[in-house]
Each structure stands twice: as C-alpha cells, then as structure tokens.
Amino acid sequence: MKRLLFSTLLFTAYLNAFSTTNVQYLYGHFAGPTFLDSRSGNKQTLTLEHFSKGDYGDVYTFVDSTYAPQGLQFTGDKNEFYGEFSPRVSLTKLAGLAPSEGIIKEWYIASQYNGSSQYHAWLYGAGVDLAIPKFSLFSLNVYRKIQNINDDTYQLSANYSLPLSERCHFEGFVDWTGRDLLSQNQLLFDLAPTVGMTKNHLEIGTEWHHYEENIHHTLNNVLQGMVKYRW
C-alpha cells in the first residue's frame, strides 16, 4: 500500500515537471553529544538535492553522504548515508482550481520517506503553499510520522526561501516534533558571475545546523561552510 501511494504521488507530481538539481559540500565541527556528532568533532557532508514541480504537484528529495574521520558519536561509523523523499499532490489542481490569491495559495496531499542504514520513517499528511511577502517560497506540511526508532509522532515542517539581493539569498527548513527540533538555514552568495559562469550555478556561504532533543535535553549548534553547484 505504501509503495502504491508513493508511486502514484511521484507519477502525478512529475507530469510536465520543472526541475532543478544541486550538489553541496559542507564542513563543520560537530562536537556535541547527539547522534549527529562525531567523536573528533570533524564531519564533512556531500549532499545531492533535487526539486521538481509539475502540473499536479511537486517532489523534493535529497541524499546526504557524511564522513567523520574518527567515526560518528554513537556508532563509530566513518561513513553514513541518509536520504528523504517527499512527493506532494496538489488538491487544488486536481479539483481544477487556480491557485488562490490569498495567503494560502495551494493545498496538497503530502508524504515523505526518511531512511538510513538503521532508521526508517514513513510520513503522510497535508500541506499548503503560503504567500508570504518577500519570500519566493514558503510551504508548511503536517504529518503523521511512523518510525522504527522511538515512538510514532506528528511532525510540522516549514520550508522557505527569501531573496536578500540580486546575488544573495536565505533558504532553509524547520522540522518540529514533540520529541525534537531540527533546523538548517543557509545564507548563500551567487559566485557564478564572478568566475564567468551562468548566474545561480555556483554559490558559496554558510549553513547553520541546529538540533534539539527534548527527552535527554541535548543540543547541537554548528555553523558550517559550504559550496553549492546547481544545474
């Protein structure tokens, strides 16, 4: 049933799709007590990210490959892969309606799969695209989260992008559950015109990685340097 749902959502969202893909390199010092931290503090991440938007929905997905020279805090593994796959189907478009001119532009059926070698979660729920002044993107999704580690829960996710100038923008997301909060926010500068490349294809900047776990009261705050290449 889960595979049928995701196949249907993916097929529907990809009809006449616009797409963009990027690869990111990030470096930061993860020296805290959480499962995201490494034993030496040093951690490098290579991320492949993709977004497509079609006539009847959208699809967002990414895969992280992390490397910690002395191993991760809990497992001791030097390498770890983690990915998320998030298709949404537009209820507004399926009903034959035009996006609203109000604050809620479009309604969605939202779903997500999160997975690594040890952790798996299926999420399903609803989402909206919001018209927030100055933001080029602002979406909210609320999910029921079924997972193989920790109790099942609910999750509220916000995704956003804010142009700051012709060559600088801010983007990121927040995932909140009753157990934890994860936020990753990027401040990026378009380096491409400076080095003779097409605009928006090469960016440099920082990512602020913030994670709070409420049960054991652990906190993770890391400012990472990053490079992003987009095509």
C-alpha atoms as a PDB file:
ATOM      1  CA  MET A   1       0.000   0.000   0.000  1.00  0.00           C
ATOM      2  CA  LYS A   2       2.820   2.407   0.889  1.00  0.00           C
ATOM      3  CA  ARG A   3       4.628   1.673  -2.379  1.00  0.00           C
ATOM      4  CA  LEU A   4       1.426   2.200  -4.371  1.00  0.00           C
ATOM      5  CA  LEU A   5       0.789   5.541  -2.649  1.00  0.00           C
ATOM      6  CA  PHE A   6       4.320   6.819  -3.297  1.00  0.00           C
ATOM      7  CA  SER A   7       4.316   5.614  -6.920  1.00  0.00           C
ATOM      8  CA  THR A   8       1.025   7.422  -7.542  1.00  0.00           C
ATOM      9  CA  LEU A   9       2.244  10.624  -5.893  1.00  0.00           C
ATOM     10  CA  LEU A  10       5.518  10.571  -7.808  1.00  0.00           C
ATOM     11  CA  PHE A  11       3.856   9.964 -11.184  1.00  0.00           C
ATOM     12  CA  THR A  12       1.258  12.670 -10.606  1.00  0.00           C
ATOM     13  CA  ALA A  13       3.736  15.282  -9.395  1.00  0.00           C
ATOM     14  CA  TYR A  14       6.162  14.726 -12.265  1.00  0.00           C
ATOM     15  CA  LEU A  15       3.722  15.476 -15.090  1.00  0.00           C
ATOM     16  CA  ASN A  16       5.241  18.334 -17.179  1.00  0.00           C
ATOM     17  CA  ALA A  17       7.779  18.929 -14.412  1.00  0.00           C
ATOM     18  CA  PHE A  18      10.188  21.809 -13.946  1.00  0.00           C
ATOM     19  CA  SER A  19      13.252  20.561 -12.123  1.00  0.00           C
ATOM     20  CA  THR A  20      16.447  21.777 -10.513  1.00  0.00           C
ATOM     21  CA  THR A  21      19.298  19.744  -9.025  1.00  0.00           C
ATOM     22  CA  ASN A  22      22.343  20.701  -6.975  1.00  0.00           C
ATOM     23  CA  VAL A  23      25.280  19.145  -5.165  1.00  0.00           C
ATOM     24  CA  GLN A  24      26.594  20.637  -1.909  1.00  0.00           C
ATOM     25  CA  TYR A  25      29.797  20.227   0.088  1.00  0.00           C
ATOM     26  CA  LEU A  26      29.644  21.170   3.784  1.00  0.00           C
ATOM     27  CA  TYR A  27      32.237  21.130   6.560  1.00  0.00           C
ATOM     28  CA  GLY A  28      31.565  21.693  10.251  1.00  0.00           C
ATOM     29  CA  HIS A  29      32.698  20.813  13.787  1.00  0.00           C
ATOM     30  CA  PHE A  30      30.068  18.506  15.330  1.00  0.00           C
ATOM     31  CA  ALA A  31      31.433  18.054  18.851  1.00  0.00           C
ATOM     32  CA  GLY A  32      28.250  17.583  20.889  1.00  0.00           C
ATOM     33  CA  PRO A  33      26.526  14.531  22.464  1.00  0.00           C
ATOM     34  CA  THR A  34      23.872  13.840  19.788  1.00  0.00           C
ATOM     35  CA  PHE A  35      23.756  11.091  17.174  1.00  0.00           C
ATOM     36  CA  LEU A  36      24.621  13.762  14.575  1.00  0.00           C
ATOM     37  CA  ASP A  37      28.006  14.463  16.196  1.00  0.00           C
ATOM     38  CA  SER A  38      31.365  12.818  15.556  1.00  0.00           C
ATOM     39  CA  ARG A  39      33.989  11.594  18.018  1.00  0.00           C
ATOM     40  CA  SER A  40      36.629  14.057  16.826  1.00  0.00           C
ATOM     41  CA  GLY A  41      34.119  16.804  16.008  1.00  0.00           C
ATOM     42  CA  ASN A  42      35.119  16.965  12.356  1.00  0.00           C
ATOM     43  CA  LYS A  43      32.455  15.997   9.842  1.00  0.00           C
ATOM     44  CA  GLN A  44      32.120  16.508   6.098  1.00  0.00           C
ATOM     45  CA  THR A  45      28.866  16.145   4.184  1.00  0.00           C
ATOM     46  CA  LEU A  46      28.204  15.758   0.477  1.00  0.00           C
ATOM     47  CA  THR A  47      24.547  16.364  -0.426  1.00  0.00           C
ATOM     48  CA  LEU A  48      22.710  15.678  -3.673  1.00  0.00           C
ATOM     49  CA  GLU A  49      19.418  17.618  -3.751  1.00  0.00           C
ATOM     50  CA  HIS A  50      16.591  17.688  -6.303  1.00  0.00           C
ATOM     51  CA  PHE A  51      13.273  19.532  -6.660  1.00  0.00           C
ATOM     52  CA  SER A  52      10.626  19.157  -9.387  1.00  0.00           C
ATOM     53  CA  LYS A  53       7.294  20.926  -9.771  1.00  0.00           C
ATOM     54  CA  GLY A  54       4.664  19.800 -12.250  1.00  0.00           C
ATOM     55  CA  ASP A  55       1.057  20.457 -13.176  1.00  0.00           C
ATOM     56  CA  TYR A  56      -0.308  18.388 -10.289  1.00  0.00           C
ATOM     57  CA  GLY A  57       2.259  18.549  -7.529  1.00  0.00           C
ATOM     58  CA  ASP A  58       5.921  18.599  -6.608  1.00  0.00           C
ATOM     59  CA  VAL A  59       8.732  16.297  -5.483  1.00  0.00           C
ATOM     60  CA  TYR A  60      11.640  17.137  -3.196  1.00  0.00           C
ATOM     61  CA  THR A  61      14.424  14.665  -2.395  1.00  0.00           C
ATOM     62  CA  PHE A  62      17.981  14.640  -1.093  1.00  0.00           C
ATOM     63  CA  VAL A  63      20.727  12.205  -0.117  1.00  0.00           C
ATOM     64  CA  ASP A  64      23.472  13.008   2.416  1.00  0.00           C
ATOM     65  CA  SER A  65      26.802  11.193   2.470  1.00  0.00           C
ATOM     66  CA  THR A  66      28.717  12.071   5.649  1.00  0.00           C
ATOM     67  CA  TYR A  67      32.337  11.337   6.543  1.00  0.00           C
ATOM     68  CA  ALA A  68      33.745  11.516  10.082  1.00  0.00           C
ATOM     69  CA  PRO A  69      37.490  10.639  10.242  1.00  0.00           C
ATOM     70  CA  GLN A  70      37.273   9.203  13.792  1.00  0.00           C
ATOM     71  CA  GLY A  71      33.737   7.870  13.477  1.00  0.00           C
ATOM     72  CA  LEU A  72      30.295   9.099  14.492  1.00  0.00           C
ATOM     73  CA  GLN A  73      29.495   9.599  18.158  1.00  0.00           C
ATOM     74  CA  PHE A  74      27.139   6.650  18.708  1.00  0.00           C
ATOM     75  CA  THR A  75      28.016   4.074  16.042  1.00  0.00           C
ATOM     76  CA  GLY A  76      31.698   4.707  15.378  1.00  0.00           C
ATOM     77  CA  ASP A  77      30.981   4.506  11.627  1.00  0.00           C
ATOM     78  CA  LYS A  78      33.136   6.776   9.486  1.00  0.00           C
ATOM     79  CA  ASN A  79      30.612   6.922   6.636  1.00  0.00           C
ATOM     80  CA  GLU A  80      26.844   7.247   6.751  1.00  0.00           C
ATOM     81  CA  PHE A  81      24.124   7.741   4.148  1.00  0.00           C
ATOM     82  CA  TYR A  82      20.770   9.368   4.866  1.00  0.00           C
ATOM     83  CA  GLY A  83      18.021  10.447   2.481  1.00  0.00           C
ATOM     84  CA  GLU A  84      14.497  11.859   2.304  1.00  0.00           C
ATOM     85  CA  PHE A  85      11.934  11.594  -0.485  1.00  0.00           C
ATOM     86  CA  SER A  86       8.932  13.972  -0.321  1.00  0.00           C
ATOM     87  CA  PRO A  87       6.254  13.924  -3.056  1.00  0.00           C
ATOM     88  CA  ARG A  88       3.100  16.064  -2.799  1.00  0.00           C
ATOM     89  CA  VAL A  89      -0.055  16.063  -4.928  1.00  0.00           C
ATOM     90  CA  SER A  90      -1.958  19.335  -5.382  1.00  0.00           C
ATOM     91  CA  LEU A  91      -5.583  19.024  -4.290  1.00  0.00           C
ATOM     92  CA  THR A  92      -6.145  22.490  -5.728  1.00  0.00           C
ATOM     93  CA  LYS A  93      -5.009  21.420  -9.215  1.00  0.00           C
ATOM     94  CA  LEU A  94      -6.829  18.064  -9.066  1.00  0.00           C
ATOM     95  CA  ALA A  95     -10.037  19.991  -8.347  1.00  0.00           C
ATOM     96  CA  GLY A  96      -9.412  22.127 -11.438  1.00  0.00           C
ATOM     97  CA  LEU A  97      -8.928  25.319  -9.438  1.00  0.00           C
ATOM     98  CA  ALA A  98      -6.413  28.092  -9.985  1.00  0.00           C
ATOM     99  CA  PRO A  99      -4.034  28.899  -7.112  1.00  0.00           C
ATOM    100  CA  SER A 100      -5.594  31.344  -4.680  1.00  0.00           C
ATOM    101  CA  GLU A 101      -4.576  34.998  -4.471  1.00  0.00           C
ATOM    102  CA  GLY A 102      -4.898  34.822  -0.672  1.00  0.00           C
ATOM    103  CA  ILE A 103      -2.331  33.773   1.908  1.00  0.00           C
ATOM    104  CA  ILE A 104      -2.953  30.053   1.214  1.00  0.00           C
ATOM    105  CA  LYS A 105      -2.093  29.593  -2.453  1.00  0.00           C
ATOM    106  CA  GLU A 106      -2.413  25.826  -2.834  1.00  0.00           C
ATOM    107  CA  TRP A 107      -3.416  22.698  -0.852  1.00  0.00           C
ATOM    108  CA  TYR A 108      -1.596  19.332  -1.051  1.00  0.00           C
ATOM    109  CA  ILE A 109      -1.638  15.717  -0.002  1.00  0.00           C
ATOM    110  CA  ALA A 110       1.855  15.410   1.475  1.00  0.00           C
ATOM    111  CA  SER A 111       4.031  12.376   2.129  1.00  0.00           C
ATOM    112  CA  GLN A 112       7.636  11.600   2.935  1.00  0.00           C
ATOM    113  CA  TYR A 113      10.059   8.722   3.426  1.00  0.00           C
ATOM    114  CA  ASN A 114      13.186   9.095   5.614  1.00  0.00           C
ATOM    115  CA  GLY A 115      15.848   6.429   5.610  1.00  0.00           C
ATOM    116  CA  SER A 116      19.383   5.421   6.570  1.00  0.00           C
ATOM    117  CA  SER A 117      21.009   2.057   7.260  1.00  0.00           C
ATOM    118  CA  GLN A 118      19.404   1.916  10.727  1.00  0.00           C
ATOM    119  CA  TYR A 119      16.472   4.339  10.666  1.00  0.00           C
ATOM    120  CA  HIS A 120      13.282   4.385   8.591  1.00  0.00           C
ATOM    121  CA  ALA A 121      10.200   6.597   8.801  1.00  0.00           C
ATOM    122  CA  TRP A 122       7.036   6.958   6.723  1.00  0.00           C
ATOM    123  CA  LEU A 123       5.158  10.256   6.916  1.00  0.00           C
ATOM    124  CA  TYR A 124       1.768  11.199   5.496  1.00  0.00           C
ATOM    125  CA  GLY A 125      -0.432  14.261   5.893  1.00  0.00           C
ATOM    126  CA  ALA A 126      -1.337  17.585   4.284  1.00  0.00           C
ATOM    127  CA  GLY A 127       0.478  20.691   3.135  1.00  0.00           C
ATOM    128  CA  VAL A 128      -0.013  24.244   1.899  1.00  0.00           C
ATOM    129  CA  ASP A 129       1.974  26.806  -0.074  1.00  0.00           C
ATOM    130  CA  LEU A 130       1.738  30.243   1.523  1.00  0.00           C
ATOM    131  CA  ALA A 131       2.044  33.715   0.027  1.00  0.00           C
ATOM    132  CA  ILE A 132       4.375  35.451   2.494  1.00  0.00           C
ATOM    133  CA  PRO A 133       5.607  38.943   1.498  1.00  0.00           C
ATOM    134  CA  LYS A 134       9.179  38.955   0.097  1.00  0.00           C
ATOM    135  CA  PHE A 135       9.518  35.130   0.276  1.00  0.00           C
ATOM    136  CA  SER A 136       9.840  33.330  -3.069  1.00  0.00           C
ATOM    137  CA  LEU A 137       8.805  30.075  -1.357  1.00  0.00           C
ATOM    138  CA  PHE A 138       7.084  29.253   1.909  1.00  0.00           C
ATOM    139  CA  SER A 139       5.397  25.903   2.472  1.00  0.00           C
ATOM    140  CA  LEU A 140       4.029  24.127   5.551  1.00  0.00           C
ATOM    141  CA  ASN A 141       3.379  20.397   5.895  1.00  0.00           C
ATOM    142  CA  VAL A 142       1.912  18.486   8.831  1.00  0.00           C
ATOM    143  CA  TYR A 143       2.495  14.735   9.001  1.00  0.00           C
ATOM    144  CA  ARG A 144       1.747  11.615  10.964  1.00  0.00           C
ATOM    145  CA  LYS A 145       5.204  10.042  11.442  1.00  0.00           C
ATOM    146  CA  ILE A 146       5.608   6.258  11.677  1.00  0.00           C
ATOM    147  CA  GLN A 147       9.176   5.236  12.569  1.00  0.00           C
ATOM    148  CA  ASN A 148      11.180   2.177  13.587  1.00  0.00           C
ATOM    149  CA  ILE A 149      13.142   4.037  16.303  1.00  0.00           C
ATOM    150  CA  ASN A 150      11.300   6.000  19.038  1.00  0.00           C
ATOM    151  CA  ASP A 151       7.522   6.315  19.291  1.00  0.00           C
ATOM    152  CA  ASP A 152       5.319   7.336  16.382  1.00  0.00           C
ATOM    153  CA  THR A 153       4.550  11.039  16.454  1.00  0.00           C
ATOM    154  CA  TYR A 154       3.422  14.066  14.455  1.00  0.00           C
ATOM    155  CA  GLN A 155       5.733  16.428  12.573  1.00  0.00           C
ATOM    156  CA  LEU A 156       5.334  20.018  11.420  1.00  0.00           C
ATOM    157  CA  SER A 157       7.715  21.082   8.628  1.00  0.00           C
ATOM    158  CA  ALA A 158       8.338  24.540   7.190  1.00  0.00           C
ATOM    159  CA  ASN A 159      10.392  25.206   4.026  1.00  0.00           C
ATOM    160  CA  TYR A 160      11.270  28.704   2.834  1.00  0.00           C
ATOM    161  CA  SER A 161      13.433  30.829   0.550  1.00  0.00           C
ATOM    162  CA  LEU A 162      13.994  34.581   0.848  1.00  0.00           C
ATOM    163  CA  PRO A 163      15.896  36.678  -1.725  1.00  0.00           C
ATOM    164  CA  LEU A 164      18.033  39.301   0.033  1.00  0.00           C
ATOM    165  CA  SER A 165      19.613  40.960  -3.012  1.00  0.00           C
ATOM    166  CA  GLU A 166      20.352  40.166  -6.644  1.00  0.00           C
ATOM    167  CA  ARG A 167      23.146  37.771  -5.657  1.00  0.00           C
ATOM    168  CA  CYS A 168      22.346  36.796  -2.074  1.00  0.00           C
ATOM    169  CA  HIS A 169      19.520  34.729  -0.612  1.00  0.00           C
ATOM    170  CA  PHE A 170      18.460  32.872   2.534  1.00  0.00           C
ATOM    171  CA  GLU A 171      16.799  29.449   2.497  1.00  0.00           C
ATOM    172  CA  GLY A 172      16.153  26.573   4.866  1.00  0.00           C
ATOM    173  CA  PHE A 173      13.713  24.381   6.745  1.00  0.00           C
ATOM    174  CA  VAL A 174      12.455  23.556  10.249  1.00  0.00           C
ATOM    175  CA  ASP A 175      11.170  20.100  11.301  1.00  0.00           C
ATOM    176  CA  TRP A 176       9.431  20.005  14.688  1.00  0.00           C
ATOM    177  CA  THR A 177       8.011  17.059  16.644  1.00  0.00           C
ATOM    178  CA  GLY A 178       7.108  16.676  20.318  1.00  0.00           C
ATOM    179  CA  ARG A 179      10.497  14.997  20.808  1.00  0.00           C
ATOM    180  CA  ASP A 180      12.917  17.142  18.821  1.00  0.00           C
ATOM    181  CA  LEU A 181      13.527  20.111  16.543  1.00  0.00           C
ATOM    182  CA  LEU A 182      15.847  20.237  13.546  1.00  0.00           C
ATOM    183  CA  SER A 183      16.582  23.417  11.595  1.00  0.00           C
ATOM    184  CA  GLN A 184      19.065  24.002   8.783  1.00  0.00           C
ATOM    185  CA  ASN A 185      19.343  27.519   7.366  1.00  0.00           C
ATOM    186  CA  GLN A 186      21.647  28.597   4.558  1.00  0.00           C
ATOM    187  CA  LEU A 187      22.930  32.066   3.672  1.00  0.00           C
ATOM    188  CA  LEU A 188      24.257  31.913   0.108  1.00  0.00           C
ATOM    189  CA  PHE A 189      26.084  34.241  -2.265  1.00  0.00           C
ATOM    190  CA  ASP A 190      25.988  33.740  -6.044  1.00  0.00           C
ATOM    191  CA  LEU A 191      29.653  33.410  -7.020  1.00  0.00           C
ATOM    192  CA  ALA A 192      28.943  32.311 -10.614  1.00  0.00           C
ATOM    193  CA  PRO A 193      29.113  35.736 -12.384  1.00  0.00           C
ATOM    194  CA  THR A 194      32.412  36.491 -10.636  1.00  0.00           C
ATOM    195  CA  VAL A 195      34.072  33.396 -12.149  1.00  0.00           C
ATOM    196  CA  GLY A 196      32.402  33.666 -15.577  1.00  0.00           C
ATOM    197  CA  MET A 197      29.667  31.078 -15.042  1.00  0.00           C
ATOM    198  CA  THR A 198      25.919  31.291 -15.638  1.00  0.00           C
ATOM    199  CA  LYS A 199      24.054  33.083 -12.843  1.00  0.00           C
ATOM    200  CA  ASN A 200      22.947  30.945  -9.860  1.00  0.00           C
ATOM    201  CA  HIS A 201      25.015  27.905 -10.885  1.00  0.00           C
ATOM    202  CA  LEU A 202      27.718  28.300  -8.210  1.00  0.00           C
ATOM    203  CA  GLU A 203      27.093  29.545  -4.676  1.00  0.00           C
ATOM    204  CA  ILE A 204      29.163  29.818  -1.501  1.00  0.00           C
ATOM    205  CA  GLY A 205      28.032  30.522   2.029  1.00  0.00           C
ATOM    206  CA  THR A 206      27.221  29.073   5.410  1.00  0.00           C
ATOM    207  CA  GLU A 207      24.686  26.693   6.904  1.00  0.00           C
ATOM    208  CA  TRP A 208      23.534  26.964  10.493  1.00  0.00           C
ATOM    209  CA  HIS A 209      22.663  23.481  11.730  1.00  0.00           C
ATOM    210  CA  HIS A 210      20.515  23.443  14.892  1.00  0.00           C
ATOM    211  CA  TYR A 211      19.174  20.299  16.606  1.00  0.00           C
ATOM    212  CA  GLU A 212      17.394  19.994  19.967  1.00  0.00           C
ATOM    213  CA  GLU A 213      16.329  16.695  21.575  1.00  0.00           C
ATOM    214  CA  ASN A 214      13.877  17.175  24.437  1.00  0.00           C
ATOM    215  CA  ILE A 215      13.944  13.813  26.240  1.00  0.00           C
ATOM    216  CA  HIS A 216      17.661  13.871  27.128  1.00  0.00           C
ATOM    217  CA  HIS A 217      17.986  17.664  26.740  1.00  0.00           C
ATOM    218  CA  THR A 218      20.788  17.521  24.194  1.00  0.00           C
ATOM    219  CA  LEU A 219      21.650  20.384  21.854  1.00  0.00           C
ATOM    220  CA  ASN A 220      23.601  20.616  18.614  1.00  0.00           C
ATOM    221  CA  ASN A 221      24.580  24.030  17.168  1.00  0.00           C
ATOM    222  CA  VAL A 222      27.021  24.074  14.247  1.00  0.00           C
ATOM    223  CA  LEU A 223      27.935  26.739  11.689  1.00  0.00           C
ATOM    224  CA  GLN A 224      29.200  25.016   8.529  1.00  0.00           C
ATOM    225  CA  GLY A 225      30.983  26.371   5.495  1.00  0.00           C
ATOM    226  CA  MET A 226      29.503  25.254   2.197  1.00  0.00           C
ATOM    227  CA  VAL A 227      29.757  25.311  -1.590  1.00  0.00           C
ATOM    228  CA  LYS A 228      26.762  24.574  -3.828  1.00  0.00           C
ATOM    229  CA  TYR A 229      26.781  23.810  -7.551  1.00  0.00           C
ATOM    230  CA  ARG A 230      23.386  23.898  -9.268  1.00  0.00           C
ATOM    231  CA  TRP A 231      22.200  22.705 -12.704  1.00  0.00           C
END
